C-alpha cells in the first residue's frame, strides 16, 4: 500500500496530520532551515501523544551535510536520545568533503540506531554519484532514501526517481520536495510507493498585540506573526488520492 509521510514542525501539527490520515511523521524544527533536530520536549511530547510512527530528523544545523567533529558528536548524542525513547526510526545523512556518502560516519550512525529504521534524507540530493550512493546505502542497511531526484523539485527529478525505484534492491525510494495533490499521481505512475510532503500552510499567530519595528530574525522580511503548520485538509485529500489510486491498480 502507498504511504504518505508528512513533515511536521511541531507536535500539534503532527497530531493534525495523524488525524487527517498520514501514515508517518517526520518530526523537525526550524522550517526556514529545511528541518533541524527537534527539541527534547517536542520529542517526548511526540512519544506520549502520537500513535502513528514518528521519525525525528537528526540534523544539527542548516546548510550542507559535511559535519565537523563536534557536530558529529551532536548527531550521535541526539541519536542516543531518540533511540532511548523508543522511536521506531529517524532521518539522518552525512556526506564527506567530495560529496560522497561518509561511510565511516554512516557506519557509526547505523550501529547507534540499533534496529531503528533509518531514512537517509535529502543529503542524497547533494551526492556526487546517486547510483553509487544507492548501492552504498543498500550495503549499510538504510531503510529508505528521501530524495527529489537531485533536482530542486521531485517533479523535475522524476527521471532519476524512476531509475532509482527500478534499480533499488534495498532502500525504499521516497519522493520529497514539492510533492502535492496536483502532481501526486505522477509519482505513483512512476512506481513510487512512498511520498513525503509538508502539506503546509501559513497560519496567523493568535497574538493580538504586535510590536512594530522589532524582529527576532536576521531576515528583515520574515513575518513573525504567522506560523508554518500542516494543512490537514490537504493531507486528507492526498491520502484519499493515494488510496483511490491503489484501489484502481488492485482492480
C-alpha atoms as a PDB file:
ATOM      1  CA  UNK A   1       0.000   0.000   0.000  1.00  0.00           C
ATOM      2  CA  UNK A   2       1.182   3.536  -0.753  1.00  0.00           C
ATOM      3  CA  UNK A   3       2.292   5.551   2.257  1.00  0.00           C
ATOM      4  CA  UNK A   4       2.245   9.266   2.930  1.00  0.00           C
ATOM      5  CA  UNK A   5       4.871  10.733   5.249  1.00  0.00           C
ATOM      6  CA  UNK A   6       4.155  14.269   6.429  1.00  0.00           C
ATOM      7  CA  UNK A   7       6.897  16.635   7.524  1.00  0.00           C
ATOM      8  CA  UNK A   8       5.763  18.426  10.684  1.00  0.00           C
ATOM      9  CA  UNK A   9       7.427  21.250  12.610  1.00  0.00           C
ATOM     10  CA  UNK A  10       5.674  20.662  15.907  1.00  0.00           C
ATOM     11  CA  UNK A  11       3.605  18.109  17.786  1.00  0.00           C
ATOM     12  CA  UNK A  12       0.295  19.959  17.347  1.00  0.00           C
ATOM     13  CA  UNK A  13       0.775  19.861  13.584  1.00  0.00           C
ATOM     14  CA  UNK A  14       1.782  16.200  13.764  1.00  0.00           C
ATOM     15  CA  UNK A  15      -1.444  15.412  15.615  1.00  0.00           C
ATOM     16  CA  UNK A  16      -3.426  17.198  12.905  1.00  0.00           C
ATOM     17  CA  UNK A  17      -1.600  15.200  10.212  1.00  0.00           C
ATOM     18  CA  UNK A  18      -2.245  11.943  12.063  1.00  0.00           C
ATOM     19  CA  UNK A  19      -5.949  12.705  12.342  1.00  0.00           C
ATOM     20  CA  UNK A  20      -6.074  13.532   8.621  1.00  0.00           C
ATOM     21  CA  UNK A  21      -4.668  10.123   7.673  1.00  0.00           C
ATOM     22  CA  UNK A  22      -0.883  10.477   7.466  1.00  0.00           C
ATOM     23  CA  UNK A  23       0.948   7.166   7.698  1.00  0.00           C
ATOM     24  CA  UNK A  24       4.130   8.510   9.279  1.00  0.00           C
ATOM     25  CA  UNK A  25       5.516  11.789  10.636  1.00  0.00           C
ATOM     26  CA  UNK A  26       8.934  13.263  10.014  1.00  0.00           C
ATOM     27  CA  UNK A  27       9.315  15.496  13.066  1.00  0.00           C
ATOM     28  CA  UNK A  28      11.522  18.563  12.651  1.00  0.00           C
ATOM     29  CA  UNK A  29      12.138  22.062  13.904  1.00  0.00           C
ATOM     30  CA  UNK A  30      13.197  25.202  12.003  1.00  0.00           C
ATOM     31  CA  UNK A  31      11.271  25.183   8.710  1.00  0.00           C
ATOM     32  CA  UNK A  32      13.340  28.092   7.374  1.00  0.00           C
ATOM     33  CA  UNK A  33      16.440  25.871   7.621  1.00  0.00           C
ATOM     34  CA  UNK A  34      14.812  22.940   5.856  1.00  0.00           C
ATOM     35  CA  UNK A  35      14.369  20.987   9.085  1.00  0.00           C
ATOM     36  CA  UNK A  36      16.606  20.579  12.127  1.00  0.00           C
ATOM     37  CA  UNK A  37      16.617  18.218  15.124  1.00  0.00           C
ATOM     38  CA  UNK A  38      13.509  18.795  17.268  1.00  0.00           C
ATOM     39  CA  UNK A  39      13.849  19.725  20.924  1.00  0.00           C
ATOM     40  CA  UNK A  40      13.827  17.204  23.754  1.00  0.00           C
ATOM     41  CA  UNK A  41      10.425  18.481  24.838  1.00  0.00           C
ATOM     42  CA  UNK A  42       8.982  18.062  21.357  1.00  0.00           C
ATOM     43  CA  UNK A  43      10.372  14.540  21.120  1.00  0.00           C
ATOM     44  CA  UNK A  44       8.919  13.497  24.474  1.00  0.00           C
ATOM     45  CA  UNK A  45       5.515  15.007  23.635  1.00  0.00           C
ATOM     46  CA  UNK A  46       5.516  13.166  20.316  1.00  0.00           C
ATOM     47  CA  UNK A  47       6.116   9.832  22.037  1.00  0.00           C
ATOM     48  CA  UNK A  48       3.311  10.490  24.510  1.00  0.00           C
ATOM     49  CA  UNK A  49       0.662  11.855  22.162  1.00  0.00           C
ATOM     50  CA  UNK A  50       1.084  10.296  18.719  1.00  0.00           C
ATOM     51  CA  UNK A  51       0.144   6.754  17.736  1.00  0.00           C
ATOM     52  CA  UNK A  52       1.475   6.560  14.149  1.00  0.00           C
ATOM     53  CA  UNK A  53       5.225   6.128  13.574  1.00  0.00           C
ATOM     54  CA  UNK A  54       7.296   9.263  14.194  1.00  0.00           C
ATOM     55  CA  UNK A  55      10.774   9.547  12.671  1.00  0.00           C
ATOM     56  CA  UNK A  56      12.632  12.599  14.003  1.00  0.00           C
ATOM     57  CA  UNK A  57      15.224  14.259  11.825  1.00  0.00           C
ATOM     58  CA  UNK A  58      18.758  14.422  13.207  1.00  0.00           C
ATOM     59  CA  UNK A  59      20.402  17.491  11.687  1.00  0.00           C
ATOM     60  CA  UNK A  60      22.357  19.866  13.918  1.00  0.00           C
ATOM     61  CA  UNK A  61      22.382  22.875  11.579  1.00  0.00           C
ATOM     62  CA  UNK A  62      21.220  24.159   8.229  1.00  0.00           C
ATOM     63  CA  UNK A  63      23.345  24.137   5.108  1.00  0.00           C
ATOM     64  CA  UNK A  64      25.288  21.202   3.746  1.00  0.00           C
ATOM     65  CA  UNK A  65      25.838  17.780   5.273  1.00  0.00           C
ATOM     66  CA  UNK A  66      29.606  17.716   5.783  1.00  0.00           C
ATOM     67  CA  UNK A  67      29.977  17.996   9.543  1.00  0.00           C
ATOM     68  CA  UNK A  68      32.781  18.928  11.906  1.00  0.00           C
ATOM     69  CA  UNK A  69      33.885  16.523  14.616  1.00  0.00           C
ATOM     70  CA  UNK A  70      31.876  18.459  17.182  1.00  0.00           C
ATOM     71  CA  UNK A  71      28.736  18.475  15.031  1.00  0.00           C
ATOM     72  CA  UNK A  72      29.034  14.736  14.501  1.00  0.00           C
ATOM     73  CA  UNK A  73      29.219  14.238  18.270  1.00  0.00           C
ATOM     74  CA  UNK A  74      25.933  16.176  18.498  1.00  0.00           C
ATOM     75  CA  UNK A  75      24.408  13.862  15.901  1.00  0.00           C
ATOM     76  CA  UNK A  76      25.461  10.776  17.853  1.00  0.00           C
ATOM     77  CA  UNK A  77      24.130  12.190  21.123  1.00  0.00           C
ATOM     78  CA  UNK A  78      20.788  13.010  19.506  1.00  0.00           C
ATOM     79  CA  UNK A  79      20.564   9.510  18.050  1.00  0.00           C
ATOM     80  CA  UNK A  80      21.147   8.055  21.539  1.00  0.00           C
ATOM     81  CA  UNK A  81      18.397  10.261  22.964  1.00  0.00           C
ATOM     82  CA  UNK A  82      15.927   9.290  20.228  1.00  0.00           C
ATOM     83  CA  UNK A  83      16.722   5.560  20.445  1.00  0.00           C
ATOM     84  CA  UNK A  84      16.384   5.518  24.228  1.00  0.00           C
ATOM     85  CA  UNK A  85      12.872   6.942  23.946  1.00  0.00           C
ATOM     86  CA  UNK A  86      11.696   4.155  21.705  1.00  0.00           C
ATOM     87  CA  UNK A  87      11.199   5.892  18.371  1.00  0.00           C
ATOM     88  CA  UNK A  88      10.852   3.358  15.543  1.00  0.00           C
ATOM     89  CA  UNK A  89      13.084   5.294  13.161  1.00  0.00           C
ATOM     90  CA  UNK A  90      14.907   8.501  12.393  1.00  0.00           C
ATOM     91  CA  UNK A  91      16.087  10.615   9.471  1.00  0.00           C
ATOM     92  CA  UNK A  92      19.771  11.448   9.006  1.00  0.00           C
ATOM     93  CA  UNK A  93      22.534  11.844   6.431  1.00  0.00           C
ATOM     94  CA  UNK A  94      26.265  12.558   6.397  1.00  0.00           C
ATOM     95  CA  UNK A  95      28.473  13.372   3.392  1.00  0.00           C
ATOM     96  CA  UNK A  96      32.217  13.790   3.014  1.00  0.00           C
ATOM     97  CA  UNK A  97      34.041  16.770   1.514  1.00  0.00           C
ATOM     98  CA  UNK A  98      33.807  15.311  -2.006  1.00  0.00           C
ATOM     99  CA  UNK A  99      30.048  14.820  -1.962  1.00  0.00           C
ATOM    100  CA  UNK A 100      30.099  11.076  -1.326  1.00  0.00           C
ATOM    101  CA  UNK A 101      28.399   9.149   1.472  1.00  0.00           C
ATOM    102  CA  UNK A 102      30.654   9.391   4.526  1.00  0.00           C
ATOM    103  CA  UNK A 103      30.864   5.647   5.021  1.00  0.00           C
ATOM    104  CA  UNK A 104      32.946   5.765   8.194  1.00  0.00           C
ATOM    105  CA  UNK A 105      30.466   8.020   9.960  1.00  0.00           C
ATOM    106  CA  UNK A 106      27.365   6.382   8.499  1.00  0.00           C
ATOM    107  CA  UNK A 107      28.561   3.003   9.796  1.00  0.00           C
ATOM    108  CA  UNK A 108      28.706   4.577  13.255  1.00  0.00           C
ATOM    109  CA  UNK A 109      25.221   6.016  12.751  1.00  0.00           C
ATOM    110  CA  UNK A 110      23.798   2.649  11.755  1.00  0.00           C
ATOM    111  CA  UNK A 111      25.382   0.960  14.768  1.00  0.00           C
ATOM    112  CA  UNK A 112      23.907   3.569  17.108  1.00  0.00           C
ATOM    113  CA  UNK A 113      20.449   3.224  15.565  1.00  0.00           C
ATOM    114  CA  UNK A 114      20.440  -0.440  16.617  1.00  0.00           C
ATOM    115  CA  UNK A 115      17.329  -1.682  14.829  1.00  0.00           C
ATOM    116  CA  UNK A 116      15.604   1.629  14.132  1.00  0.00           C
ATOM    117  CA  UNK A 117      14.554   2.248  10.541  1.00  0.00           C
ATOM    118  CA  UNK A 118      16.960   4.811   9.081  1.00  0.00           C
ATOM    119  CA  UNK A 119      15.871   7.214   6.355  1.00  0.00           C
ATOM    120  CA  UNK A 120      18.789   8.829   4.543  1.00  0.00           C
ATOM    121  CA  UNK A 121      17.455  12.320   3.899  1.00  0.00           C
ATOM    122  CA  UNK A 122      17.990  14.764   1.056  1.00  0.00           C
ATOM    123  CA  UNK A 123      21.721  14.838   1.622  1.00  0.00           C
ATOM    124  CA  UNK A 124      21.314  12.243  -1.128  1.00  0.00           C
ATOM    125  CA  UNK A 125      20.420  15.079  -3.496  1.00  0.00           C
ATOM    126  CA  UNK A 126      23.848  16.652  -2.969  1.00  0.00           C
ATOM    127  CA  UNK A 127      25.687  13.386  -3.644  1.00  0.00           C
ATOM    128  CA  UNK A 128      28.220  13.258  -6.467  1.00  0.00           C
ATOM    129  CA  UNK A 129      27.013   9.914  -7.833  1.00  0.00           C
ATOM    130  CA  UNK A 130      23.450   8.876  -6.946  1.00  0.00           C
ATOM    131  CA  UNK A 131      23.697   5.286  -8.200  1.00  0.00           C
ATOM    132  CA  UNK A 132      26.910   4.687  -6.282  1.00  0.00           C
ATOM    133  CA  UNK A 133      25.285   6.264  -3.220  1.00  0.00           C
ATOM    134  CA  UNK A 134      22.268   3.975  -3.632  1.00  0.00           C
ATOM    135  CA  UNK A 135      24.499   0.905  -3.576  1.00  0.00           C
ATOM    136  CA  UNK A 136      26.427   2.166  -0.548  1.00  0.00           C
ATOM    137  CA  UNK A 137      23.225   2.913   1.364  1.00  0.00           C
ATOM    138  CA  UNK A 138      21.887  -0.514   0.432  1.00  0.00           C
ATOM    139  CA  UNK A 139      25.019  -2.106   1.859  1.00  0.00           C
ATOM    140  CA  UNK A 140      24.672  -0.024   5.029  1.00  0.00           C
ATOM    141  CA  UNK A 141      21.133  -1.293   5.584  1.00  0.00           C
ATOM    142  CA  UNK A 142      19.304   2.028   5.229  1.00  0.00           C
ATOM    143  CA  UNK A 143      15.517   1.540   5.129  1.00  0.00           C
ATOM    144  CA  UNK A 144      14.639   4.349   2.738  1.00  0.00           C
ATOM    145  CA  UNK A 145      16.027   7.325   0.847  1.00  0.00           C
ATOM    146  CA  UNK A 146      14.204  10.654   0.791  1.00  0.00           C
ATOM    147  CA  UNK A 147      15.076  12.351  -2.484  1.00  0.00           C
ATOM    148  CA  UNK A 148      13.935  14.875  -5.063  1.00  0.00           C
ATOM    149  CA  UNK A 149      15.852  13.019  -7.753  1.00  0.00           C
ATOM    150  CA  UNK A 150      18.711  15.506  -7.322  1.00  0.00           C
ATOM    151  CA  UNK A 151      16.581  18.373  -8.633  1.00  0.00           C
ATOM    152  CA  UNK A 152      15.054  21.401  -6.969  1.00  0.00           C
ATOM    153  CA  UNK A 153      11.684  19.671  -7.036  1.00  0.00           C
ATOM    154  CA  UNK A 154      10.805  15.997  -7.125  1.00  0.00           C
ATOM    155  CA  UNK A 155       8.634  16.534 -10.164  1.00  0.00           C
ATOM    156  CA  UNK A 156      11.689  17.780 -12.090  1.00  0.00           C
ATOM    157  CA  UNK A 157      13.632  14.820 -10.703  1.00  0.00           C
ATOM    158  CA  UNK A 158      11.196  12.175 -11.931  1.00  0.00           C
ATOM    159  CA  UNK A 159      13.634  10.597 -14.437  1.00  0.00           C
ATOM    160  CA  UNK A 160      16.154   9.781 -11.686  1.00  0.00           C
ATOM    161  CA  UNK A 161      13.392   8.801  -9.258  1.00  0.00           C
ATOM    162  CA  UNK A 162      12.155   6.251 -11.805  1.00  0.00           C
ATOM    163  CA  UNK A 163      15.665   4.908 -12.285  1.00  0.00           C
ATOM    164  CA  UNK A 164      16.318   4.647  -8.558  1.00  0.00           C
ATOM    165  CA  UNK A 165      12.982   2.913  -7.982  1.00  0.00           C
ATOM    166  CA  UNK A 166      13.723   0.435 -10.758  1.00  0.00           C
ATOM    167  CA  UNK A 167      17.297  -0.153  -9.554  1.00  0.00           C
ATOM    168  CA  UNK A 168      16.925  -0.409  -5.793  1.00  0.00           C
ATOM    169  CA  UNK A 169      17.309  -3.813  -4.155  1.00  0.00           C
ATOM    170  CA  UNK A 170      17.030  -2.482  -0.641  1.00  0.00           C
ATOM    171  CA  UNK A 171      16.026   1.023   0.424  1.00  0.00           C
ATOM    172  CA  UNK A 172      12.564   2.327  -0.391  1.00  0.00           C
ATOM    173  CA  UNK A 173      12.784   5.391  -2.648  1.00  0.00           C
ATOM    174  CA  UNK A 174      10.556   8.116  -1.196  1.00  0.00           C
ATOM    175  CA  UNK A 175       9.916  11.226  -3.271  1.00  0.00           C
ATOM    176  CA  UNK A 176      10.031  14.576  -1.481  1.00  0.00           C
ATOM    177  CA  UNK A 177      10.271  18.309  -2.333  1.00  0.00           C
ATOM    178  CA  UNK A 178       7.226  19.862  -3.927  1.00  0.00           C
ATOM    179  CA  UNK A 179       5.058  16.750  -3.687  1.00  0.00           C
ATOM    180  CA  UNK A 180       1.447  17.898  -3.558  1.00  0.00           C
ATOM    181  CA  UNK A 181      -2.054  16.855  -4.539  1.00  0.00           C
ATOM    182  CA  UNK A 182      -1.745  18.326  -8.029  1.00  0.00           C
ATOM    183  CA  UNK A 183       1.259  16.191  -9.021  1.00  0.00           C
ATOM    184  CA  UNK A 184       0.885  13.198  -6.706  1.00  0.00           C
ATOM    185  CA  UNK A 185      -0.331  10.846  -9.456  1.00  0.00           C
ATOM    186  CA  UNK A 186       2.855  11.397 -11.474  1.00  0.00           C
ATOM    187  CA  UNK A 187       4.914   9.826  -8.693  1.00  0.00           C
ATOM    188  CA  UNK A 188       2.562   6.898  -8.299  1.00  0.00           C
ATOM    189  CA  UNK A 189       2.623   6.320 -12.065  1.00  0.00           C
ATOM    190  CA  UNK A 190       6.443   6.314 -11.879  1.00  0.00           C
ATOM    191  CA  UNK A 191       6.300   3.398  -9.447  1.00  0.00           C
ATOM    192  CA  UNK A 192       6.947   5.247  -6.187  1.00  0.00           C
ATOM    193  CA  UNK A 193       5.008   3.895  -3.243  1.00  0.00           C
ATOM    194  CA  UNK A 194       6.081   6.309  -0.509  1.00  0.00           C
ATOM    195  CA  UNK A 195       5.678  10.077  -0.768  1.00  0.00           C
ATOM    196  CA  UNK A 196       6.852  12.840   1.545  1.00  0.00           C
ATOM    197  CA  UNK A 197       5.109  16.194   1.792  1.00  0.00           C
ATOM    198  CA  UNK A 198       4.950  19.091   4.211  1.00  0.00           C
ATOM    199  CA  UNK A 199       1.374  19.814   3.032  1.00  0.00           C
ATOM    200  CA  UNK A 200       1.912  23.099   4.791  1.00  0.00           C
ATOM    201  CA  UNK A 201       0.152  26.392   5.112  1.00  0.00           C
ATOM    202  CA  UNK A 202       0.891  29.638   6.911  1.00  0.00           C
ATOM    203  CA  UNK A 203      -1.494  30.434   9.738  1.00  0.00           C
ATOM    204  CA  UNK A 204      -1.781  33.659  11.653  1.00  0.00           C
ATOM    205  CA  UNK A 205      -0.456  33.861  15.199  1.00  0.00           C
ATOM    206  CA  UNK A 206      -3.125  34.222  17.918  1.00  0.00           C
ATOM    207  CA  UNK A 207      -1.279  37.277  19.273  1.00  0.00           C
ATOM    208  CA  UNK A 208      -3.359  40.431  19.121  1.00  0.00           C
ATOM    209  CA  UNK A 209      -0.589  42.813  20.186  1.00  0.00           C
ATOM    210  CA  UNK A 210       2.092  43.066  17.522  1.00  0.00           C
ATOM    211  CA  UNK A 211       5.126  45.172  18.261  1.00  0.00           C
ATOM    212  CA  UNK A 212       6.241  47.079  15.173  1.00  0.00           C
ATOM    213  CA  UNK A 213       9.883  47.652  14.265  1.00  0.00           C
ATOM    214  CA  UNK A 214      11.377  44.773  16.297  1.00  0.00           C
ATOM    215  CA  UNK A 215      12.324  41.487  14.669  1.00  0.00           C
ATOM    216  CA  UNK A 216      13.724  38.278  16.125  1.00  0.00           C
ATOM    217  CA  UNK A 217      15.075  37.244  12.724  1.00  0.00           C
ATOM    218  CA  UNK A 218      18.095  38.409  10.766  1.00  0.00           C
ATOM    219  CA  UNK A 219      15.898  38.214   7.660  1.00  0.00           C
ATOM    220  CA  UNK A 220      14.081  41.533   7.722  1.00  0.00           C
ATOM    221  CA  UNK A 221      11.057  40.414   5.704  1.00  0.00           C
ATOM    222  CA  UNK A 222      10.251  37.470   7.994  1.00  0.00           C
ATOM    223  CA  UNK A 223       6.646  37.524   9.204  1.00  0.00           C
ATOM    224  CA  UNK A 224       6.962  36.593  12.856  1.00  0.00           C
ATOM    225  CA  UNK A 225       3.230  36.654  13.427  1.00  0.00           C
ATOM    226  CA  UNK A 226       2.480  33.690  11.190  1.00  0.00           C
ATOM    227  CA  UNK A 227       3.417  30.047  11.643  1.00  0.00           C
ATOM    228  CA  UNK A 228       4.085  27.108   9.344  1.00  0.00           C
ATOM    229  CA  UNK A 229       1.608  24.338  10.029  1.00  0.00           C
ATOM    230  CA  UNK A 230       0.088  21.325   8.337  1.00  0.00           C
ATOM    231  CA  UNK A 231      -2.971  21.780   6.155  1.00  0.00           C
ATOM    232  CA  UNK A 232      -4.983  18.828   7.414  1.00  0.00           C
ATOM    233  CA  UNK A 233      -7.468  19.090   4.549  1.00  0.00           C
ATOM    234  CA  UNK A 234      -4.583  18.713   2.108  1.00  0.00           C
ATOM    235  CA  UNK A 235      -3.212  15.683   3.961  1.00  0.00           C
ATOM    236  CA  UNK A 236      -6.642  14.068   3.882  1.00  0.00           C
ATOM    237  CA  UNK A 237      -7.032  14.793   0.160  1.00  0.00           C
ATOM    238  CA  UNK A 238      -3.572  13.448  -0.670  1.00  0.00           C
ATOM    239  CA  UNK A 239      -4.087  10.259   1.306  1.00  0.00           C
ATOM    240  CA  UNK A 240      -7.501   9.809  -0.276  1.00  0.00           C
ATOM    241  CA  UNK A 241      -5.998  10.148  -3.755  1.00  0.00           C
ATOM    242  CA  UNK A 242      -3.328   7.569  -2.900  1.00  0.00           C
ATOM    243  CA  UNK A 243      -5.902   5.097  -1.622  1.00  0.00           C
ATOM    244  CA  UNK A 244      -8.044   5.641  -4.718  1.00  0.00           C
ATOM    245  CA  UNK A 245      -5.057   5.043  -6.990  1.00  0.00           C
ATOM    246  CA  UNK A 246      -4.143   1.863  -5.102  1.00  0.00           C
ATOM    247  CA  UNK A 247      -7.702   0.510  -5.373  1.00  0.00           C
ATOM    248  CA  UNK A 248      -7.710   1.109  -9.135  1.00  0.00           C
ATOM    249  CA  UNK A 249      -4.387  -0.697  -9.555  1.00  0.00           C
ATOM    250  CA  UNK A 250      -5.595  -3.647  -7.490  1.00  0.00           C
ATOM    251  CA  UNK A 251      -8.807  -3.866  -9.507  1.00  0.00           C
END
